[in-house]
Amino acid sequence: MQQIARELNITLPPLNDDLPLQNTGLDSLGFALLVARLEDELGRDPFTNSDEFMFPYTIGDLVSAYEKVPA
């Protein structure tokens, strides 16, 4: 998140698991970049092919979504 924020010239608030994603300052482009880079880095994407997926509300939810996807 910090790398993308720097590239987009966005100042992030202090990040913690309880911070709502909508309060990070990232816009839709920022989140698209984040998801694409996480998929490249981790080799998985919790936003596809999951019957149980619920869109994450907080940073902690986002981390948990990636942790639940098999590698």
PDB file of N, CA and C in Angstrom:
ATOM      1  N   MET A   1       0.826  -1.182   0.000  1.00  0.00           N
ATOM      2  CA  MET A   1       0.000   0.000   0.000  1.00  0.00           C
ATOM      3  C   MET A   1       0.875   1.252   0.000  1.00  0.00           C
ATOM      4  N   GLN A   2       1.910   1.213   0.784  1.00  0.00           N
ATOM      5  CA  GLN A   2       2.777   2.388   0.885  1.00  0.00           C
ATOM      6  C   GLN A   2       3.467   2.684  -0.447  1.00  0.00           C
ATOM      7  N   GLN A   3       3.920   1.652  -1.136  1.00  0.00           N
ATOM      8  CA  GLN A   3       4.578   1.850  -2.428  1.00  0.00           C
ATOM      9  C   GLN A   3       3.610   2.455  -3.439  1.00  0.00           C
ATOM     10  N   ILE A   4       2.415   1.937  -3.496  1.00  0.00           N
ATOM     11  CA  ILE A   4       1.419   2.457  -4.431  1.00  0.00           C
ATOM     12  C   ILE A   4       1.046   3.887  -4.068  1.00  0.00           C
ATOM     13  N   ALA A   5       0.890   4.166  -2.790  1.00  0.00           N
ATOM     14  CA  ALA A   5       0.566   5.525  -2.358  1.00  0.00           C
ATOM     15  C   ALA A   5       1.664   6.503  -2.780  1.00  0.00           C
ATOM     16  N   ARG A   6       2.919   6.093  -2.634  1.00  0.00           N
ATOM     17  CA  ARG A   6       4.025   6.961  -3.076  1.00  0.00           C
ATOM     18  C   ARG A   6       3.938   7.223  -4.576  1.00  0.00           C
ATOM     19  N   GLU A   7       3.689   6.165  -5.353  1.00  0.00           N
ATOM     20  CA  GLU A   7       3.620   6.300  -6.802  1.00  0.00           C
ATOM     21  C   GLU A   7       2.469   7.206  -7.241  1.00  0.00           C
ATOM     22  N   LEU A   8       1.372   7.182  -6.485  1.00  0.00           N
ATOM     23  CA  LEU A   8       0.204   7.982  -6.828  1.00  0.00           C
ATOM     24  C   LEU A   8       0.173   9.309  -6.071  1.00  0.00           C
ATOM     25  N   ASN A   9       1.237   9.566  -5.322  1.00  0.00           N
ATOM     26  CA  ASN A   9       1.346  10.805  -4.543  1.00  0.00           C
ATOM     27  C   ASN A   9       0.182  10.972  -3.566  1.00  0.00           C
ATOM     28  N   ILE A  10      -0.111   9.899  -2.837  1.00  0.00           N
ATOM     29  CA  ILE A  10      -1.184   9.878  -1.846  1.00  0.00           C
ATOM     30  C   ILE A  10      -0.545   9.709  -0.472  1.00  0.00           C
ATOM     31  N   THR A  11      -1.026  10.459   0.493  1.00  0.00           N
ATOM     32  CA  THR A  11      -0.557  10.310   1.862  1.00  0.00           C
ATOM     33  C   THR A  11      -1.492   9.354   2.587  1.00  0.00           C
ATOM     34  N   LEU A  12      -0.941   8.248   3.046  1.00  0.00           N
ATOM     35  CA  LEU A  12      -1.731   7.271   3.783  1.00  0.00           C
ATOM     36  C   LEU A  12      -1.823   7.662   5.251  1.00  0.00           C
ATOM     37  N   PRO A  13      -2.938   7.356   5.888  1.00  0.00           N
ATOM     38  CA  PRO A  13      -3.008   7.513   7.331  1.00  0.00           C
ATOM     39  C   PRO A  13      -2.223   6.366   7.981  1.00  0.00           C
ATOM     40  N   PRO A  14      -2.026   6.391   9.291  1.00  0.00           N
ATOM     41  CA  PRO A  14      -1.399   5.236   9.942  1.00  0.00           C
ATOM     42  C   PRO A  14      -2.224   3.972   9.646  1.00  0.00           C
ATOM     43  N   LEU A  15      -1.555   2.935   9.177  1.00  0.00           N
ATOM     44  CA  LEU A  15      -2.248   1.705   8.782  1.00  0.00           C
ATOM     45  C   LEU A  15      -2.337   0.748   9.960  1.00  0.00           C
ATOM     46  N   ASN A  16      -3.518   0.172  10.128  1.00  0.00           N
ATOM     47  CA  ASN A  16      -3.720  -0.884  11.126  1.00  0.00           C
ATOM     48  C   ASN A  16      -4.863  -1.767  10.649  1.00  0.00           C
ATOM     49  N   ASP A  17      -5.001  -2.914  11.265  1.00  0.00           N
ATOM     50  CA  ASP A  17      -5.994  -3.897  10.820  1.00  0.00           C
ATOM     51  C   ASP A  17      -7.424  -3.379  10.849  1.00  0.00           C
ATOM     52  N   ASP A  18      -7.724  -2.433  11.744  1.00  0.00           N
ATOM     53  CA  ASP A  18      -9.097  -1.945  11.893  1.00  0.00           C
ATOM     54  C   ASP A  18      -9.443  -0.780  10.973  1.00  0.00           C
ATOM     55  N   LEU A  19      -8.469  -0.280  10.230  1.00  0.00           N
ATOM     56  CA  LEU A  19      -8.714   0.866   9.357  1.00  0.00           C
ATOM     57  C   LEU A  19      -9.586   0.449   8.172  1.00  0.00           C
ATOM     58  N   PRO A  20     -10.743   1.101   7.993  1.00  0.00           N
ATOM     59  CA  PRO A  20     -11.564   0.788   6.821  1.00  0.00           C
ATOM     60  C   PRO A  20     -10.789   1.110   5.535  1.00  0.00           C
ATOM     61  N   LEU A  21     -10.906   0.256   4.553  1.00  0.00           N
ATOM     62  CA  LEU A  21     -10.202   0.456   3.285  1.00  0.00           C
ATOM     63  C   LEU A  21     -10.569   1.788   2.650  1.00  0.00           C
ATOM     64  N   GLN A  22     -11.803   2.201   2.802  1.00  0.00           N
ATOM     65  CA  GLN A  22     -12.223   3.465   2.204  1.00  0.00           C
ATOM     66  C   GLN A  22     -11.552   4.669   2.853  1.00  0.00           C
ATOM     67  N   ASN A  23     -10.945   4.484   4.022  1.00  0.00           N
ATOM     68  CA  ASN A  23     -10.262   5.575   4.716  1.00  0.00           C
ATOM     69  C   ASN A  23      -8.755   5.579   4.499  1.00  0.00           C
ATOM     70  N   THR A  24      -8.264   4.721   3.622  1.00  0.00           N
ATOM     71  CA  THR A  24      -6.822   4.672   3.371  1.00  0.00           C
ATOM     72  C   THR A  24      -6.362   5.803   2.464  1.00  0.00           C
ATOM     73  N   GLY A  25      -7.265   6.361   1.682  1.00  0.00           N
ATOM     74  CA  GLY A  25      -6.891   7.395   0.725  1.00  0.00           C
ATOM     75  C   GLY A  25      -6.657   6.853  -0.669  1.00  0.00           C
ATOM     76  N   LEU A  26      -6.590   5.524  -0.806  1.00  0.00           N
ATOM     77  CA  LEU A  26      -6.438   4.931  -2.140  1.00  0.00           C
ATOM     78  C   LEU A  26      -7.771   4.995  -2.871  1.00  0.00           C
ATOM     79  N   ASP A  27      -7.716   5.331  -4.151  1.00  0.00           N
ATOM     80  CA  ASP A  27      -8.912   5.333  -4.971  1.00  0.00           C
ATOM     81  C   ASP A  27      -9.027   3.991  -5.694  1.00  0.00           C
ATOM     82  N   SER A  28      -9.957   3.885  -6.625  1.00  0.00           N
ATOM     83  CA  SER A  28     -10.169   2.612  -7.317  1.00  0.00           C
ATOM     84  C   SER A  28      -8.930   2.188  -8.098  1.00  0.00           C
ATOM     85  N   LEU A  29      -8.216   3.142  -8.688  1.00  0.00           N
ATOM     86  CA  LEU A  29      -6.973   2.807  -9.391  1.00  0.00           C
ATOM     87  C   LEU A  29      -5.943   2.266  -8.401  1.00  0.00           C
ATOM     88  N   GLY A  30      -5.832   2.883  -7.258  1.00  0.00           N
ATOM     89  CA  GLY A  30      -4.887   2.418  -6.246  1.00  0.00           C
ATOM     90  C   GLY A  30      -5.190   1.004  -5.788  1.00  0.00           C
ATOM     91  N   PHE A  31      -6.466   0.706  -5.572  1.00  0.00           N
ATOM     92  CA  PHE A  31      -6.830  -0.649  -5.163  1.00  0.00           C
ATOM     93  C   PHE A  31      -6.624  -1.658  -6.289  1.00  0.00           C
ATOM     94  N   ALA A  32      -6.894  -1.254  -7.518  1.00  0.00           N
ATOM     95  CA  ALA A  32      -6.649  -2.151  -8.653  1.00  0.00           C
ATOM     96  C   ALA A  32      -5.161  -2.483  -8.746  1.00  0.00           C
ATOM     97  N   LEU A  33      -4.311  -1.484  -8.571  1.00  0.00           N
ATOM     98  CA  LEU A  33      -2.862  -1.723  -8.583  1.00  0.00           C
ATOM     99  C   LEU A  33      -2.454  -2.644  -7.435  1.00  0.00           C
ATOM    100  N   LEU A  34      -3.020  -2.403  -6.267  1.00  0.00           N
ATOM    101  CA  LEU A  34      -2.696  -3.232  -5.095  1.00  0.00           C
ATOM    102  C   LEU A  34      -3.051  -4.694  -5.345  1.00  0.00           C
ATOM    103  N   VAL A  35      -4.254  -4.937  -5.822  1.00  0.00           N
ATOM    104  CA  VAL A  35      -4.696  -6.317  -6.073  1.00  0.00           C
ATOM    105  C   VAL A  35      -3.841  -6.969  -7.156  1.00  0.00           C
ATOM    106  N   ALA A  36      -3.535  -6.238  -8.216  1.00  0.00           N
ATOM    107  CA  ALA A  36      -2.717  -6.799  -9.298  1.00  0.00           C
ATOM    108  C   ALA A  36      -1.314  -7.138  -8.796  1.00  0.00           C
ATOM    109  N   ARG A  37      -0.732  -6.260  -8.016  1.00  0.00           N
ATOM    110  CA  ARG A  37       0.623  -6.523  -7.514  1.00  0.00           C
ATOM    111  C   ARG A  37       0.646  -7.636  -6.486  1.00  0.00           C
ATOM    112  N   LEU A  38      -0.383  -7.703  -5.652  1.00  0.00           N
ATOM    113  CA  LEU A  38      -0.441  -8.812  -4.694  1.00  0.00           C
ATOM    114  C   LEU A  38      -0.591 -10.141  -5.420  1.00  0.00           C
ATOM    115  N   GLU A  39      -1.384 -10.155  -6.482  1.00  0.00           N
ATOM    116  CA  GLU A  39      -1.529 -11.391  -7.256  1.00  0.00           C
ATOM    117  C   GLU A  39      -0.197 -11.774  -7.907  1.00  0.00           C
ATOM    118  N   ASP A  40       0.517 -10.806  -8.443  1.00  0.00           N
ATOM    119  CA  ASP A  40       1.830 -11.089  -9.033  1.00  0.00           C
ATOM    120  C   ASP A  40       2.800 -11.612  -7.977  1.00  0.00           C
ATOM    121  N   GLU A  41       2.795 -10.990  -6.818  1.00  0.00           N
ATOM    122  CA  GLU A  41       3.734 -11.347  -5.753  1.00  0.00           C
ATOM    123  C   GLU A  41       3.368 -12.664  -5.063  1.00  0.00           C
ATOM    124  N   LEU A  42       2.079 -12.848  -4.783  1.00  0.00           N
ATOM    125  CA  LEU A  42       1.632 -14.007  -3.996  1.00  0.00           C
ATOM    126  C   LEU A  42       1.122 -15.159  -4.859  1.00  0.00           C
ATOM    127  N   GLY A  43       0.804 -14.868  -6.122  1.00  0.00           N
ATOM    128  CA  GLY A  43       0.292 -15.913  -7.002  1.00  0.00           C
ATOM    129  C   GLY A  43      -1.129 -16.328  -6.692  1.00  0.00           C
ATOM    130  N   ARG A  44      -1.884 -15.444  -6.039  1.00  0.00           N
ATOM    131  CA  ARG A  44      -3.279 -15.773  -5.730  1.00  0.00           C
ATOM    132  C   ARG A  44      -4.117 -14.502  -5.683  1.00  0.00           C
ATOM    133  N   ASP A  45      -5.414 -14.692  -5.897  1.00  0.00           N
ATOM    134  CA  ASP A  45      -6.341 -13.575  -5.919  1.00  0.00           C
ATOM    135  C   ASP A  45      -7.643 -14.021  -5.259  1.00  0.00           C
ATOM    136  N   PRO A  46      -7.957 -13.494  -4.088  1.00  0.00           N
ATOM    137  CA  PRO A  46      -9.176 -13.926  -3.402  1.00  0.00           C
ATOM    138  C   PRO A  46     -10.448 -13.396  -4.032  1.00  0.00           C
ATOM    139  N   PHE A  47     -10.326 -12.538  -5.037  1.00  0.00           N
ATOM    140  CA  PHE A  47     -11.501 -11.941  -5.665  1.00  0.00           C
ATOM    141  C   PHE A  47     -12.060 -12.777  -6.802  1.00  0.00           C
ATOM    142  N   THR A  48     -11.414 -13.886  -7.124  1.00  0.00           N
ATOM    143  CA  THR A  48     -11.911 -14.749  -8.195  1.00  0.00           C
ATOM    144  C   THR A  48     -12.088 -16.169  -7.693  1.00  0.00           C
ATOM    145  N   ASN A  49     -13.066 -16.834  -8.260  1.00  0.00           N
ATOM    146  CA  ASN A  49     -13.299 -18.256  -8.000  1.00  0.00           C
ATOM    147  C   ASN A  49     -13.470 -18.606  -6.527  1.00  0.00           C
ATOM    148  N   SER A  50     -14.163 -17.794  -5.790  1.00  0.00           N
ATOM    149  CA  SER A  50     -14.424 -18.111  -4.392  1.00  0.00           C
ATOM    150  C   SER A  50     -15.920 -17.974  -4.126  1.00  0.00           C
ATOM    151  N   ASP A  51     -16.526 -19.067  -3.705  1.00  0.00           N
ATOM    152  CA  ASP A  51     -17.954 -19.049  -3.408  1.00  0.00           C
ATOM    153  C   ASP A  51     -18.252 -18.345  -2.092  1.00  0.00           C
ATOM    154  N   GLU A  52     -17.272 -18.303  -1.194  1.00  0.00           N
ATOM    155  CA  GLU A  52     -17.484 -17.742   0.131  1.00  0.00           C
ATOM    156  C   GLU A  52     -16.937 -16.332   0.285  1.00  0.00           C
ATOM    157  N   PHE A  53     -16.425 -15.737  -0.768  1.00  0.00           N
ATOM    158  CA  PHE A  53     -15.761 -14.446  -0.641  1.00  0.00           C
ATOM    159  C   PHE A  53     -16.745 -13.331  -0.322  1.00  0.00           C
ATOM    160  N   MET A  54     -16.354 -12.502   0.656  1.00  0.00           N
ATOM    161  CA  MET A  54     -17.073 -11.275   0.962  1.00  0.00           C
ATOM    162  C   MET A  54     -16.068 -10.137   0.818  1.00  0.00           C
ATOM    163  N   PHE A  55     -16.481  -9.050   0.188  1.00  0.00           N
ATOM    164  CA  PHE A  55     -15.565  -7.943  -0.033  1.00  0.00           C
ATOM    165  C   PHE A  55     -15.043  -7.429   1.302  1.00  0.00           C
ATOM    166  N   PRO A  56     -13.730  -7.219   1.405  1.00  0.00           N
ATOM    167  CA  PRO A  56     -13.143  -6.770   2.670  1.00  0.00           C
ATOM    168  C   PRO A  56     -13.527  -5.328   2.988  1.00  0.00           C
ATOM    169  N   TYR A  57     -13.773  -5.082   4.268  1.00  0.00           N
ATOM    170  CA  TYR A  57     -14.122  -3.744   4.731  1.00  0.00           C
ATOM    171  C   TYR A  57     -12.905  -3.029   5.322  1.00  0.00           C
ATOM    172  N   THR A  58     -12.058  -3.771   6.019  1.00  0.00           N
ATOM    173  CA  THR A  58     -10.887  -3.189   6.676  1.00  0.00           C
ATOM    174  C   THR A  58      -9.602  -3.779   6.100  1.00  0.00           C
ATOM    175  N   ILE A  59      -8.481  -3.184   6.474  1.00  0.00           N
ATOM    176  CA  ILE A  59      -7.186  -3.734   6.067  1.00  0.00           C
ATOM    177  C   ILE A  59      -7.038  -5.151   6.595  1.00  0.00           C
ATOM    178  N   GLY A  60      -7.465  -5.382   7.822  1.00  0.00           N
ATOM    179  CA  GLY A  60      -7.404  -6.731   8.394  1.00  0.00           C
ATOM    180  C   GLY A  60      -8.223  -7.725   7.597  1.00  0.00           C
ATOM    181  N   ASP A  61      -9.400  -7.307   7.128  1.00  0.00           N
ATOM    182  CA  ASP A  61     -10.237  -8.170   6.279  1.00  0.00           C
ATOM    183  C   ASP A  61      -9.515  -8.519   4.982  1.00  0.00           C
ATOM    184  N   LEU A  62      -8.819  -7.535   4.410  1.00  0.00           N
ATOM    185  CA  LEU A  62      -8.093  -7.756   3.159  1.00  0.00           C
ATOM    186  C   LEU A  62      -6.974  -8.766   3.365  1.00  0.00           C
ATOM    187  N   VAL A  63      -6.213  -8.594   4.435  1.00  0.00           N
ATOM    188  CA  VAL A  63      -5.135  -9.528   4.752  1.00  0.00           C
ATOM    189  C   VAL A  63      -5.697 -10.920   4.965  1.00  0.00           C
ATOM    190  N   SER A  64      -6.786 -11.012   5.711  1.00  0.00           N
ATOM    191  CA  SER A  64      -7.409 -12.304   5.980  1.00  0.00           C
ATOM    192  C   SER A  64      -7.880 -12.979   4.697  1.00  0.00           C
ATOM    193  N   ALA A  65      -8.420 -12.205   3.765  1.00  0.00           N
ATOM    194  CA  ALA A  65      -8.883 -12.764   2.493  1.00  0.00           C
ATOM    195  C   ALA A  65      -7.729 -13.422   1.743  1.00  0.00           C
ATOM    196  N   TYR A  66      -6.566 -12.775   1.741  1.00  0.00           N
ATOM    197  CA  TYR A  66      -5.411 -13.356   1.066  1.00  0.00           C
ATOM    198  C   TYR A  66      -4.874 -14.569   1.816  1.00  0.00           C
ATOM    199  N   GLU A  67      -4.972 -14.563   3.118  1.00  0.00           N
ATOM    200  CA  GLU A  67      -4.481 -15.700   3.902  1.00  0.00           C
ATOM    201  C   GLU A  67      -5.345 -16.941   3.699  1.00  0.00           C
ATOM    202  N   LYS A  68      -6.609 -16.759   3.376  1.00  0.00           N
ATOM    203  CA  LYS A  68      -7.539 -17.879   3.217  1.00  0.00           C
ATOM    204  C   LYS A  68      -7.459 -18.549   1.850  1.00  0.00           C
ATOM    205  N   VAL A  69      -6.841 -17.900   0.887  1.00  0.00           N
ATOM    206  CA  VAL A  69      -6.755 -18.454  -0.474  1.00  0.00           C
ATOM    207  C   VAL A  69      -5.561 -19.406  -0.531  1.00  0.00           C
ATOM    208  N   PRO A  70      -5.808 -20.649  -0.977  1.00  0.00           N
ATOM    209  CA  PRO A  70      -4.678 -21.591  -1.103  1.00  0.00           C
ATOM    210  C   PRO A  70      -3.621 -21.072  -2.063  1.00  0.00           C
ATOM    211  N   ALA A  71      -2.390 -21.335  -1.721  1.00  0.00           N
ATOM    212  CA  ALA A  71      -1.270 -20.883  -2.578  1.00  0.00           C
ATOM    213  C   ALA A  71      -1.187 -21.707  -3.836  1.00  0.00           C
TER     214      ALA A  71
END
